[in-house]
Full PDB file with SEQRES, HELIX, SHEET, SSBOND, CRYST1, ORIGX, SCALE, CONECT and MASTER records, all heavy atoms in Angstrom:
SEQRES   1 A   31  TYR LEU ALA ARG GLN PRO ALA ASN TRP TYR GLY SER ARG          
SEQRES   2 A   31  PRO GLY ARG GLU LEU ALA ALA ILE ALA ILE GLN ARG ILE          
SEQRES   3 A   31  ALA ILE ASN ASP PRO                                          
HELIX    1 AA1 TRP A    9  GLY A   11  5                                   3    
HELIX    2 AA2 ARG A   13  ASN A   29  1                                  17    
CRYST1    1.000    1.000    1.000  90.00  90.00  90.00 P 1           1          
ORIGX1      1.000000  0.000000  0.000000        0.00000                         
ORIGX2      0.000000  1.000000  0.000000        0.00000                         
ORIGX3      0.000000  0.000000  1.000000        0.00000                         
SCALE1      1.000000  0.000000  0.000000        0.00000                         
SCALE2      0.000000  1.000000  0.000000        0.00000                         
SCALE3      0.000000  0.000000  1.000000        0.00000                         
ATOM      1  N   TYR A   1      18.144  21.539 -23.597  1.00  0.00           N  
ATOM      2  CA  TYR A   1      19.542  21.624 -23.995  1.00  0.00           C  
ATOM      3  C   TYR A   1      19.669  21.781 -25.505  1.00  0.00           C  
ATOM      4  O   TYR A   1      20.421  22.634 -25.989  1.00  0.00           O  
ATOM      5  CB  TYR A   1      20.301  20.378 -23.537  1.00  0.00           C  
ATOM      6  CG  TYR A   1      21.704  20.321 -24.072  1.00  0.00           C  
ATOM      7  CD1 TYR A   1      22.733  21.025 -23.460  1.00  0.00           C  
ATOM      8  CD2 TYR A   1      22.000  19.600 -25.231  1.00  0.00           C  
ATOM      9  CE1 TYR A   1      24.018  21.011 -23.971  1.00  0.00           C  
ATOM     10  CE2 TYR A   1      23.287  19.572 -25.753  1.00  0.00           C  
ATOM     11  CZ  TYR A   1      24.289  20.283 -25.120  1.00  0.00           C  
ATOM     12  OH  TYR A   1      25.564  20.271 -25.632  1.00  0.00           O  
ATOM     13  N   LEU A   2      18.926  20.956 -26.265  1.00  0.00           N  
ATOM     14  CA  LEU A   2      19.019  21.039 -27.723  1.00  0.00           C  
ATOM     15  C   LEU A   2      18.545  22.402 -28.231  1.00  0.00           C  
ATOM     16  O   LEU A   2      19.104  22.944 -29.193  1.00  0.00           O  
ATOM     17  CB  LEU A   2      18.193  19.923 -28.367  1.00  0.00           C  
ATOM     18  CG  LEU A   2      18.686  18.487 -28.124  1.00  0.00           C  
ATOM     19  CD1 LEU A   2      17.766  17.489 -28.815  1.00  0.00           C  
ATOM     20  CD2 LEU A   2      20.121  18.298 -28.610  1.00  0.00           C  
ATOM     21  N   ALA A   3      17.526  22.954 -27.590  1.00  0.00           N  
ATOM     22  CA  ALA A   3      16.995  24.256 -28.023  1.00  0.00           C  
ATOM     23  C   ALA A   3      17.990  25.383 -27.781  1.00  0.00           C  
ATOM     24  O   ALA A   3      17.979  26.388 -28.507  1.00  0.00           O  
ATOM     25  CB  ALA A   3      15.685  24.541 -27.290  1.00  0.00           C  
ATOM     26  N   ARG A   4      18.864  25.205 -26.783  1.00  0.00           N  
ATOM     27  CA  ARG A   4      19.789  26.284 -26.412  1.00  0.00           C  
ATOM     28  C   ARG A   4      21.204  26.070 -26.959  1.00  0.00           C  
ATOM     29  O   ARG A   4      22.116  26.810 -26.612  1.00  0.00           O  
ATOM     30  CB  ARG A   4      19.855  26.397 -24.889  1.00  0.00           C  
ATOM     31  CG  ARG A   4      18.565  26.891 -24.243  1.00  0.00           C  
ATOM     32  CD  ARG A   4      18.769  27.207 -22.777  1.00  0.00           C  
ATOM     33  NE  ARG A   4      19.117  26.014 -22.010  1.00  0.00           N  
ATOM     34  CZ  ARG A   4      18.220  25.207 -21.430  1.00  0.00           C  
ATOM     35  NH1 ARG A   4      16.921  25.457 -21.552  1.00  0.00           N  
ATOM     36  NH2 ARG A   4      18.611  24.156 -20.751  1.00  0.00           N  
ATOM     37  N   GLN A   5      21.402  25.068 -27.809  1.00  0.00           N  
ATOM     38  CA  GLN A   5      22.747  24.817 -28.327  1.00  0.00           C  
ATOM     39  C   GLN A   5      23.258  25.998 -29.154  1.00  0.00           C  
ATOM     40  O   GLN A   5      22.484  26.609 -29.901  1.00  0.00           O  
ATOM     41  CB  GLN A   5      22.744  23.573 -29.228  1.00  0.00           C  
ATOM     42  CG  GLN A   5      22.621  22.265 -28.482  1.00  0.00           C  
ATOM     43  CD  GLN A   5      22.766  21.098 -29.433  1.00  0.00           C  
ATOM     44  OE1 GLN A   5      23.750  20.399 -29.370  1.00  0.00           O  
ATOM     45  NE2 GLN A   5      21.816  20.907 -30.316  1.00  0.00           N  
ATOM     46  N   PRO A   6      24.551  26.291 -29.063  1.00  0.00           N  
ATOM     47  CA  PRO A   6      25.107  27.337 -29.940  1.00  0.00           C  
ATOM     48  C   PRO A   6      25.101  26.872 -31.394  1.00  0.00           C  
ATOM     49  O   PRO A   6      25.010  25.679 -31.691  1.00  0.00           O  
ATOM     50  CB  PRO A   6      26.536  27.513 -29.412  1.00  0.00           C  
ATOM     51  CG  PRO A   6      26.853  26.220 -28.732  1.00  0.00           C  
ATOM     52  CD  PRO A   6      25.563  25.727 -28.152  1.00  0.00           C  
ATOM     53  N   ALA A   7      25.210  27.813 -32.304  1.00  0.00           N  
ATOM     54  CA  ALA A   7      25.122  27.494 -33.736  1.00  0.00           C  
ATOM     55  C   ALA A   7      26.194  26.509 -34.183  1.00  0.00           C  
ATOM     56  O   ALA A   7      25.976  25.697 -35.077  1.00  0.00           O  
ATOM     57  CB  ALA A   7      25.221  28.782 -34.552  1.00  0.00           C  
ATOM     58  N   ASN A   8      27.348  26.553 -33.571  1.00  0.00           N  
ATOM     59  CA  ASN A   8      28.458  25.682 -34.001  1.00  0.00           C  
ATOM     60  C   ASN A   8      28.652  24.488 -33.058  1.00  0.00           C  
ATOM     61  O   ASN A   8      29.765  23.996 -32.888  1.00  0.00           O  
ATOM     62  CB  ASN A   8      29.750  26.489 -34.083  1.00  0.00           C  
ATOM     63  CG  ASN A   8      30.169  27.027 -32.716  1.00  0.00           C  
ATOM     64  OD1 ASN A   8      29.340  27.112 -31.798  1.00  0.00           O  
ATOM     65  ND2 ASN A   8      31.427  27.397 -32.596  1.00  0.00           N  
ATOM     66  N   TRP A   9      27.572  24.015 -32.428  1.00  0.00           N  
ATOM     67  CA  TRP A   9      27.669  22.932 -31.438  1.00  0.00           C  
ATOM     68  C   TRP A   9      28.365  21.681 -31.981  1.00  0.00           C  
ATOM     69  O   TRP A   9      29.035  20.953 -31.248  1.00  0.00           O  
ATOM     70  CB  TRP A   9      26.282  22.554 -30.921  1.00  0.00           C  
ATOM     71  CG  TRP A   9      25.358  22.021 -31.988  1.00  0.00           C  
ATOM     72  CD1 TRP A   9      24.492  22.726 -32.751  1.00  0.00           C  
ATOM     73  CD2 TRP A   9      25.239  20.652 -32.407  1.00  0.00           C  
ATOM     74  NE1 TRP A   9      23.828  21.909 -33.629  1.00  0.00           N  
ATOM     75  CE2 TRP A   9      24.265  20.626 -33.437  1.00  0.00           C  
ATOM     76  CE3 TRP A   9      25.843  19.455 -32.044  1.00  0.00           C  
ATOM     77  CZ2 TRP A   9      23.891  19.448 -34.089  1.00  0.00           C  
ATOM     78  CZ3 TRP A   9      25.480  18.282 -32.684  1.00  0.00           C  
ATOM     79  CH2 TRP A   9      24.502  18.279 -33.685  1.00  0.00           C  
ATOM     80  N   TYR A  10      28.227  21.431 -33.273  1.00  0.00           N  
ATOM     81  CA  TYR A  10      28.752  20.213 -33.877  1.00  0.00           C  
ATOM     82  C   TYR A  10      30.234  20.319 -34.222  1.00  0.00           C  
ATOM     83  O   TYR A  10      30.842  19.371 -34.723  1.00  0.00           O  
ATOM     84  CB  TYR A  10      27.970  19.873 -35.148  1.00  0.00           C  
ATOM     85  CG  TYR A  10      27.849  21.038 -36.096  1.00  0.00           C  
ATOM     86  CD1 TYR A  10      28.857  21.333 -37.013  1.00  0.00           C  
ATOM     87  CD2 TYR A  10      26.731  21.878 -36.052  1.00  0.00           C  
ATOM     88  CE1 TYR A  10      28.752  22.420 -37.865  1.00  0.00           C  
ATOM     89  CE2 TYR A  10      26.626  22.966 -36.895  1.00  0.00           C  
ATOM     90  CZ  TYR A  10      27.632  23.238 -37.803  1.00  0.00           C  
ATOM     91  OH  TYR A  10      27.525  24.318 -38.641  1.00  0.00           O  
ATOM     92  N   GLY A  11      30.842  21.469 -33.935  1.00  0.00           N  
ATOM     93  CA  GLY A  11      32.242  21.677 -34.293  1.00  0.00           C  
ATOM     94  C   GLY A  11      33.221  21.018 -33.344  1.00  0.00           C  
ATOM     95  O   GLY A  11      34.420  20.962 -33.634  1.00  0.00           O  
ATOM     96  N   SER A  12      32.754  20.515 -32.215  1.00  0.00           N  
ATOM     97  CA  SER A  12      33.651  19.850 -31.261  1.00  0.00           C  
ATOM     98  C   SER A  12      33.038  18.524 -30.824  1.00  0.00           C  
ATOM     99  O   SER A  12      31.813  18.346 -30.853  1.00  0.00           O  
ATOM    100  CB  SER A  12      33.874  20.726 -30.021  1.00  0.00           C  
ATOM    101  OG  SER A  12      32.672  20.810 -29.261  1.00  0.00           O  
ATOM    102  N   ARG A  13      33.880  17.618 -30.408  1.00  0.00           N  
ATOM    103  CA  ARG A  13      33.359  16.326 -29.951  1.00  0.00           C  
ATOM    104  C   ARG A  13      32.468  16.474 -28.717  1.00  0.00           C  
ATOM    105  O   ARG A  13      31.401  15.846 -28.664  1.00  0.00           O  
ATOM    106  CB  ARG A  13      34.504  15.345 -29.671  1.00  0.00           C  
ATOM    107  CG  ARG A  13      33.958  14.000 -29.207  1.00  0.00           C  
ATOM    108  CD  ARG A  13      34.939  12.876 -29.298  1.00  0.00           C  
ATOM    109  NE  ARG A  13      34.289  11.599 -29.084  1.00  0.00           N  
ATOM    110  CZ  ARG A  13      34.894  10.432 -29.121  1.00  0.00           C  
ATOM    111  NH1 ARG A  13      36.198  10.385 -29.389  1.00  0.00           N  
ATOM    112  NH2 ARG A  13      34.231   9.304 -28.919  1.00  0.00           N  
ATOM    113  N   PRO A  14      32.864  17.268 -27.705  1.00  0.00           N  
ATOM    114  CA  PRO A  14      31.955  17.421 -26.568  1.00  0.00           C  
ATOM    115  C   PRO A  14      30.569  17.915 -26.984  1.00  0.00           C  
ATOM    116  O   PRO A  14      29.552  17.438 -26.457  1.00  0.00           O  
ATOM    117  CB  PRO A  14      32.674  18.443 -25.681  1.00  0.00           C  
ATOM    118  CG  PRO A  14      34.123  18.254 -25.998  1.00  0.00           C  
ATOM    119  CD  PRO A  14      34.162  17.948 -27.460  1.00  0.00           C  
ATOM    120  N   GLY A  15      30.503  18.838 -27.945  1.00  0.00           N  
ATOM    121  CA  GLY A  15      29.203  19.336 -28.396  1.00  0.00           C  
ATOM    122  C   GLY A  15      28.363  18.235 -29.016  1.00  0.00           C  
ATOM    123  O   GLY A  15      27.154  18.121 -28.752  1.00  0.00           O  
ATOM    124  N   ARG A  16      28.984  17.394 -29.822  1.00  0.00           N  
ATOM    125  CA  ARG A  16      28.237  16.304 -30.473  1.00  0.00           C  
ATOM    126  C   ARG A  16      27.842  15.219 -29.477  1.00  0.00           C  
ATOM    127  O   ARG A  16      26.723  14.699 -29.507  1.00  0.00           O  
ATOM    128  CB  ARG A  16      29.074  15.699 -31.612  1.00  0.00           C  
ATOM    129  CG  ARG A  16      29.389  16.670 -32.755  1.00  0.00           C  
ATOM    130  CD  ARG A  16      30.004  15.946 -33.937  1.00  0.00           C  
ATOM    131  NE  ARG A  16      31.211  15.210 -33.580  1.00  0.00           N  
ATOM    132  CZ  ARG A  16      32.440  15.724 -33.571  1.00  0.00           C  
ATOM    133  NH1 ARG A  16      32.636  17.000 -33.915  1.00  0.00           N  
ATOM    134  NH2 ARG A  16      33.481  14.977 -33.249  1.00  0.00           N  
ATOM    135  N   GLU A  17      28.770  14.862 -28.603  1.00  0.00           N  
ATOM    136  CA  GLU A  17      28.471  13.811 -27.626  1.00  0.00           C  
ATOM    137  C   GLU A  17      27.332  14.249 -26.692  1.00  0.00           C  
ATOM    138  O   GLU A  17      26.445  13.452 -26.360  1.00  0.00           O  
ATOM    139  CB  GLU A  17      29.720  13.479 -26.796  1.00  0.00           C  
ATOM    140  CG  GLU A  17      30.822  12.782 -27.570  1.00  0.00           C  
ATOM    141  CD  GLU A  17      30.560  11.280 -27.766  1.00  0.00           C  
ATOM    142  OE1 GLU A  17      29.518  10.785 -27.278  1.00  0.00           O  
ATOM    143  OE2 GLU A  17      31.399  10.620 -28.401  1.00  0.00           O  
ATOM    144  N   LEU A  18      27.355  15.515 -26.273  1.00  0.00           N  
ATOM    145  CA  LEU A  18      26.291  15.983 -25.382  1.00  0.00           C  
ATOM    146  C   LEU A  18      24.952  16.044 -26.100  1.00  0.00           C  
ATOM    147  O   LEU A  18      23.897  15.803 -25.495  1.00  0.00           O  
ATOM    148  CB  LEU A  18      26.655  17.350 -24.791  1.00  0.00           C  
ATOM    149  CG  LEU A  18      27.833  17.354 -23.809  1.00  0.00           C  
ATOM    150  CD1 LEU A  18      28.013  18.741 -23.198  1.00  0.00           C  
ATOM    151  CD2 LEU A  18      27.644  16.322 -22.701  1.00  0.00           C  
ATOM    152  N   ALA A  19      24.973  16.317 -27.395  1.00  0.00           N  
ATOM    153  CA  ALA A  19      23.723  16.284 -28.164  1.00  0.00           C  
ATOM    154  C   ALA A  19      23.166  14.860 -28.199  1.00  0.00           C  
ATOM    155  O   ALA A  19      21.956  14.640 -28.036  1.00  0.00           O  
ATOM    156  CB  ALA A  19      23.954  16.804 -29.579  1.00  0.00           C  
ATOM    157  N   ALA A  20      24.050  13.883 -28.400  1.00  0.00           N  
ATOM    158  CA  ALA A  20      23.605  12.483 -28.402  1.00  0.00           C  
ATOM    159  C   ALA A  20      23.085  12.076 -27.034  1.00  0.00           C  
ATOM    160  O   ALA A  20      22.080  11.352 -26.914  1.00  0.00           O  
ATOM    161  CB  ALA A  20      24.755  11.570 -28.831  1.00  0.00           C  
ATOM    162  N   ILE A  21      23.749  12.546 -25.981  1.00  0.00           N  
ATOM    163  CA  ILE A  21      23.281  12.250 -24.618  1.00  0.00           C  
ATOM    164  C   ILE A  21      21.918  12.882 -24.376  1.00  0.00           C  
ATOM    165  O   ILE A  21      21.027  12.273 -23.756  1.00  0.00           O  
ATOM    166  CB  ILE A  21      24.329  12.726 -23.591  1.00  0.00           C  
ATOM    167  CG1 ILE A  21      25.539  11.783 -23.616  1.00  0.00           C  
ATOM    168  CG2 ILE A  21      23.736  12.816 -22.194  1.00  0.00           C  
ATOM    169  CD1 ILE A  21      26.724  12.266 -22.803  1.00  0.00           C  
ATOM    170  N   ALA A  22      21.712  14.107 -24.866  1.00  0.00           N  
ATOM    171  CA  ALA A  22      20.403  14.756 -24.725  1.00  0.00           C  
ATOM    172  C   ALA A  22      19.319  13.937 -25.423  1.00  0.00           C  
ATOM    173  O   ALA A  22      18.201  13.774 -24.899  1.00  0.00           O  
ATOM    174  CB  ALA A  22      20.451  16.172 -25.291  1.00  0.00           C  
ATOM    175  N   ILE A  23      19.639  13.396 -26.596  1.00  0.00           N  
ATOM    176  CA  ILE A  23      18.696  12.528 -27.316  1.00  0.00           C  
ATOM    177  C   ILE A  23      18.347  11.311 -26.451  1.00  0.00           C  
ATOM    178  O   ILE A  23      17.186  10.901 -26.347  1.00  0.00           O  
ATOM    179  CB  ILE A  23      19.297  12.069 -28.657  1.00  0.00           C  
ATOM    180  CG1 ILE A  23      19.462  13.257 -29.624  1.00  0.00           C  
ATOM    181  CG2 ILE A  23      18.458  10.963 -29.284  1.00  0.00           C  
ATOM    182  CD1 ILE A  23      18.173  13.844 -30.127  1.00  0.00           C  
ATOM    183  N   GLN A  24      19.375  10.724 -25.825  1.00  0.00           N  
ATOM    184  CA  GLN A  24      19.135   9.555 -24.966  1.00  0.00           C  
ATOM    185  C   GLN A  24      18.187   9.901 -23.827  1.00  0.00           C  
ATOM    186  O   GLN A  24      17.285   9.114 -23.503  1.00  0.00           O  
ATOM    187  CB  GLN A  24      20.483   9.047 -24.407  1.00  0.00           C  
ATOM    188  CG  GLN A  24      20.407   7.735 -23.656  1.00  0.00           C  
ATOM    189  CD  GLN A  24      20.157   7.886 -22.151  1.00  0.00           C  
ATOM    190  OE1 GLN A  24      20.218   8.981 -21.595  1.00  0.00           O  
ATOM    191  NE2 GLN A  24      19.866   6.764 -21.509  1.00  0.00           N  
ATOM    192  N   ARG A  25      18.363  11.062 -23.232  1.00  0.00           N  
ATOM    193  CA  ARG A  25      17.498  11.442 -22.106  1.00  0.00           C  
ATOM    194  C   ARG A  25      16.067  11.695 -22.575  1.00  0.00           C  
ATOM    195  O   ARG A  25      15.107  11.362 -21.874  1.00  0.00           O  
ATOM    196  CB  ARG A  25      18.058  12.676 -21.402  1.00  0.00           C  
ATOM    197  CG  ARG A  25      19.470  12.533 -20.907  1.00  0.00           C  
ATOM    198  CD  ARG A  25      19.680  11.334 -20.002  1.00  0.00           C  
ATOM    199  NE  ARG A  25      19.288  11.605 -18.631  1.00  0.00           N  
ATOM    200  CZ  ARG A  25      19.472  10.769 -17.619  1.00  0.00           C  
ATOM    201  NH1 ARG A  25      20.022   9.578 -17.842  1.00  0.00           N  
ATOM    202  NH2 ARG A  25      19.096  11.086 -16.395  1.00  0.00           N  
ATOM    203  N   ILE A  26      15.909  12.274 -23.754  1.00  0.00           N  
ATOM    204  CA  ILE A  26      14.559  12.481 -24.312  1.00  0.00           C  
ATOM    205  C   ILE A  26      13.897  11.130 -24.557  1.00  0.00           C  
ATOM    206  O   ILE A  26      12.707  10.940 -24.289  1.00  0.00           O  
ATOM    207  CB  ILE A  26      14.628  13.304 -25.613  1.00  0.00           C  
ATOM    208  CG1 ILE A  26      15.154  14.722 -25.332  1.00  0.00           C  
ATOM    209  CG2 ILE A  26      13.259  13.375 -26.285  1.00  0.00           C  
ATOM    210  CD1 ILE A  26      15.537  15.486 -26.590  1.00  0.00           C  
ATOM    211  N   ALA A  27      14.681  10.157 -25.048  1.00  0.00           N  
ATOM    212  CA  ALA A  27      14.131   8.841 -25.381  1.00  0.00           C  
ATOM    213  C   ALA A  27      13.574   8.118 -24.166  1.00  0.00           C  
ATOM    214  O   ALA A  27      12.640   7.315 -24.293  1.00  0.00           O  
ATOM    215  CB  ALA A  27      15.207   7.986 -26.049  1.00  0.00           C  
ATOM    216  N   ILE A  28      14.106   8.393 -22.995  1.00  0.00           N  
ATOM    217  CA  ILE A  28      13.604   7.731 -21.786  1.00  0.00           C  
ATOM    218  C   ILE A  28      12.116   8.016 -21.611  1.00  0.00           C  
ATOM    219  O   ILE A  28      11.336   7.133 -21.232  1.00  0.00           O  
ATOM    220  CB  ILE A  28      14.405   8.190 -20.545  1.00  0.00           C  
ATOM    221  CG1 ILE A  28      15.846   7.668 -20.635  1.00  0.00           C  
ATOM    222  CG2 ILE A  28      13.737   7.716 -19.257  1.00  0.00           C  
ATOM    223  CD1 ILE A  28      16.756   8.218 -19.563  1.00  0.00           C  
ATOM    224  N   ASN A  29      11.698   9.228 -21.927  1.00  0.00           N  
ATOM    225  CA  ASN A  29      10.287   9.607 -21.781  1.00  0.00           C  
ATOM    226  C   ASN A  29       9.489   9.408 -23.059  1.00  0.00           C  
ATOM    227  O   ASN A  29       8.328   8.993 -23.005  1.00  0.00           O  
ATOM    228  CB  ASN A  29      10.179  11.072 -21.338  1.00  0.00           C  
ATOM    229  CG  ASN A  29      10.720  11.287 -19.946  1.00  0.00           C  
ATOM    230  OD1 ASN A  29      10.476  10.488 -19.046  1.00  0.00           O  
ATOM    231  ND2 ASN A  29      11.480  12.362 -19.765  1.00  0.00           N  
ATOM    232  N   ASP A  30      10.093   9.716 -24.227  1.00  0.00           N  
ATOM    233  CA  ASP A  30       9.340   9.633 -25.482  1.00  0.00           C  
ATOM    234  C   ASP A  30      10.278   9.292 -26.637  1.00  0.00           C  
ATOM    235  O   ASP A  30      10.869  10.191 -27.254  1.00  0.00           O  
ATOM    236  CB  ASP A  30       8.624  10.952 -25.758  1.00  0.00           C  
ATOM    237  CG  ASP A  30       7.560  10.822 -26.829  1.00  0.00           C  
ATOM    238  OD1 ASP A  30       7.750   9.997 -27.745  1.00  0.00           O  
ATOM    239  OD2 ASP A  30       6.535  11.528 -26.755  1.00  0.00           O  
ATOM    240  N   PRO A  31      10.433   8.002 -26.943  1.00  0.00           N  
ATOM    241  CA  PRO A  31      11.348   7.625 -28.035  1.00  0.00           C  
ATOM    242  C   PRO A  31      10.976   8.236 -29.381  1.00  0.00           C  
ATOM    243  O   PRO A  31      11.869   8.515 -30.197  1.00  0.00           O  
ATOM    244  CB  PRO A  31      11.229   6.098 -28.068  1.00  0.00           C  
ATOM    245  CG  PRO A  31      10.821   5.716 -26.674  1.00  0.00           C  
ATOM    246  CD  PRO A  31       9.908   6.824 -26.231  1.00  0.00           C  
TER     247      PRO A  31                                                      
MASTER        0    0    0    2    0    0    0    6  246    1    0    3          
END                                                                             
């Protein structure tokens, strides 16, 4: 998901929240 984010992903709250959620999912396997 992080690799495929659009260039302006941080311009909206959903884009930022989903990035944080993606980080959480990565942390489950490798913090």
